[in-house]
Amino acid sequence: MRRIASVLLLSTLLLGTGLSLTGCVVVPPREHARVWVPGHWAGPHTWVDGHWRYR
């Protein structure tokens, strides 16, 4: 009886430890960051000015 109790206790501890280590990680969403997009040529004679973009 004592061996069964110790095996059950050990298996419960191992299961609890495993579940606590595999919990889901909650991360808050990132804020929208402003990113500068430099000017560039879009075609043979089309220049697109630099602008701020939100990502």
N, C-alpha and C. Protein backbone atom coordinates (compact mmCIF):
# COMPACT_ATOMS: atom_id res chain seq x y z
N MET A 1 0.82 -1.19 0.00
CA MET A 1 0.00 0.00 0.00
C MET A 1 0.87 1.26 0.00
N ARG A 2 1.95 1.21 0.76
CA ARG A 2 2.83 2.38 0.84
C ARG A 2 3.51 2.64 -0.51
N ARG A 3 3.85 1.57 -1.21
CA ARG A 3 4.50 1.72 -2.51
C ARG A 3 3.53 2.33 -3.53
N ILE A 4 2.29 1.91 -3.51
CA ILE A 4 1.28 2.46 -4.42
C ILE A 4 1.08 3.95 -4.15
N ALA A 5 1.03 4.33 -2.88
CA ALA A 5 0.85 5.73 -2.52
C ALA A 5 2.04 6.57 -2.99
N SER A 6 3.25 6.05 -2.82
CA SER A 6 4.43 6.82 -3.25
C SER A 6 4.50 6.93 -4.77
N VAL A 7 4.09 5.87 -5.48
CA VAL A 7 4.08 5.91 -6.95
C VAL A 7 3.04 6.92 -7.42
N LEU A 8 1.87 6.94 -6.80
CA LEU A 8 0.83 7.90 -7.17
C LEU A 8 1.28 9.34 -6.88
N LEU A 9 1.94 9.53 -5.75
CA LEU A 9 2.42 10.86 -5.40
C LEU A 9 3.48 11.33 -6.39
N LEU A 10 4.41 10.44 -6.71
CA LEU A 10 5.47 10.79 -7.65
C LEU A 10 4.90 11.09 -9.04
N SER A 11 3.96 10.27 -9.50
CA SER A 11 3.38 10.51 -10.83
C SER A 11 2.56 11.80 -10.85
N THR A 12 1.89 12.12 -9.74
CA THR A 12 1.14 13.38 -9.66
C THR A 12 2.09 14.57 -9.70
N LEU A 13 3.21 14.47 -8.99
CA LEU A 13 4.19 15.55 -9.01
C LEU A 13 4.79 15.73 -10.40
N LEU A 14 5.12 14.64 -11.06
CA LEU A 14 5.68 14.73 -12.41
C LEU A 14 4.68 15.32 -13.39
N LEU A 15 3.43 14.90 -13.29
CA LEU A 15 2.39 15.43 -14.17
C LEU A 15 2.17 16.92 -13.91
N GLY A 16 2.12 17.31 -12.65
CA GLY A 16 1.94 18.72 -12.31
C GLY A 16 3.09 19.58 -12.78
N THR A 17 4.31 19.09 -12.64
CA THR A 17 5.49 19.83 -13.11
C THR A 17 5.46 19.96 -14.62
N GLY A 18 5.12 18.89 -15.30
CA GLY A 18 5.06 18.93 -16.77
C GLY A 18 4.01 19.91 -17.27
N LEU A 19 2.85 19.92 -16.62
CA LEU A 19 1.80 20.84 -17.03
C LEU A 19 2.17 22.30 -16.75
N SER A 20 2.87 22.53 -15.66
CA SER A 20 3.25 23.92 -15.34
C SER A 20 4.32 24.43 -16.30
N LEU A 21 5.17 23.54 -16.81
CA LEU A 21 6.21 23.96 -17.73
C LEU A 21 5.70 24.16 -19.15
N THR A 22 4.57 23.55 -19.49
CA THR A 22 4.04 23.66 -20.85
C THR A 22 2.86 24.61 -20.92
N GLY A 23 2.75 25.53 -19.97
CA GLY A 23 1.65 26.49 -19.99
C GLY A 23 1.77 27.44 -21.15
N CYS A 24 0.68 28.09 -21.49
CA CYS A 24 0.72 29.00 -22.62
C CYS A 24 1.31 30.34 -22.19
N VAL A 25 2.03 30.94 -23.10
CA VAL A 25 2.71 32.20 -22.82
C VAL A 25 1.84 33.33 -23.34
N VAL A 26 1.46 34.25 -22.48
CA VAL A 26 0.60 35.36 -22.88
C VAL A 26 1.48 36.59 -23.04
N VAL A 27 1.47 37.13 -24.25
CA VAL A 27 2.28 38.31 -24.55
C VAL A 27 1.34 39.41 -25.03
N PRO A 28 1.43 40.61 -24.47
CA PRO A 28 0.56 41.69 -24.93
C PRO A 28 0.89 42.07 -26.37
N PRO A 29 -0.10 42.50 -27.15
CA PRO A 29 0.18 42.87 -28.53
C PRO A 29 1.07 44.10 -28.61
N ARG A 30 1.89 44.15 -29.65
CA ARG A 30 2.76 45.31 -29.83
C ARG A 30 1.95 46.50 -30.31
N GLU A 31 2.40 47.67 -29.92
CA GLU A 31 1.76 48.88 -30.41
C GLU A 31 2.15 49.09 -31.86
N HIS A 32 1.32 49.84 -32.58
CA HIS A 32 1.63 50.13 -33.97
C HIS A 32 2.83 51.07 -34.02
N ALA A 33 3.85 50.64 -34.73
CA ALA A 33 5.08 51.43 -34.81
C ALA A 33 5.09 52.22 -36.11
N ARG A 34 5.59 53.44 -36.03
CA ARG A 34 5.75 54.25 -37.24
C ARG A 34 7.09 53.91 -37.86
N VAL A 35 7.07 53.63 -39.16
CA VAL A 35 8.29 53.27 -39.88
C VAL A 35 8.43 54.21 -41.06
N TRP A 36 9.61 54.78 -41.24
CA TRP A 36 9.86 55.68 -42.36
C TRP A 36 10.21 54.87 -43.59
N VAL A 37 9.44 55.08 -44.67
CA VAL A 37 9.72 54.43 -45.95
C VAL A 37 10.40 55.47 -46.83
N PRO A 38 11.66 55.26 -47.21
CA PRO A 38 12.36 56.27 -48.01
C PRO A 38 11.79 56.37 -49.43
N GLY A 39 12.07 57.49 -50.07
CA GLY A 39 11.62 57.68 -51.44
C GLY A 39 12.29 56.68 -52.38
N HIS A 40 11.57 56.37 -53.47
CA HIS A 40 12.11 55.40 -54.42
C HIS A 40 11.47 55.61 -55.79
N TRP A 41 12.08 55.03 -56.79
CA TRP A 41 11.52 55.08 -58.14
C TRP A 41 10.52 53.94 -58.28
N ALA A 42 9.27 54.27 -58.68
CA ALA A 42 8.23 53.26 -58.85
C ALA A 42 8.10 52.83 -60.30
N GLY A 43 8.61 53.58 -61.18
CA GLY A 43 8.53 53.25 -62.60
C GLY A 43 9.63 53.99 -63.34
N PRO A 44 9.55 54.00 -64.64
CA PRO A 44 10.62 54.67 -65.38
C PRO A 44 10.69 56.18 -65.10
N HIS A 45 9.57 56.84 -64.88
CA HIS A 45 9.58 58.29 -64.66
C HIS A 45 8.70 58.68 -63.47
N THR A 46 8.56 57.80 -62.48
CA THR A 46 7.68 58.08 -61.34
C THR A 46 8.48 58.00 -60.05
N TRP A 47 8.57 59.11 -59.34
CA TRP A 47 9.27 59.16 -58.06
C TRP A 47 8.24 59.17 -56.94
N VAL A 48 8.35 58.26 -56.00
CA VAL A 48 7.46 58.21 -54.84
C VAL A 48 8.20 58.79 -53.66
N ASP A 49 7.64 59.87 -53.06
CA ASP A 49 8.28 60.51 -51.91
C ASP A 49 8.28 59.59 -50.70
N GLY A 50 9.19 59.88 -49.78
CA GLY A 50 9.22 59.13 -48.53
C GLY A 50 7.98 59.43 -47.70
N HIS A 51 7.56 58.48 -46.91
CA HIS A 51 6.35 58.65 -46.10
C HIS A 51 6.42 57.75 -44.88
N TRP A 52 5.58 58.06 -43.90
CA TRP A 52 5.48 57.23 -42.69
C TRP A 52 4.47 56.13 -42.93
N ARG A 53 4.81 54.94 -42.50
CA ARG A 53 3.91 53.79 -42.61
C ARG A 53 3.75 53.19 -41.22
N TYR A 54 2.57 52.71 -40.91
CA TYR A 54 2.31 52.08 -39.61
C TYR A 54 2.29 50.58 -39.78
N ARG A 55 3.04 49.90 -38.90
CA ARG A 55 3.00 48.44 -38.95
C ARG A 55 2.67 47.87 -37.62
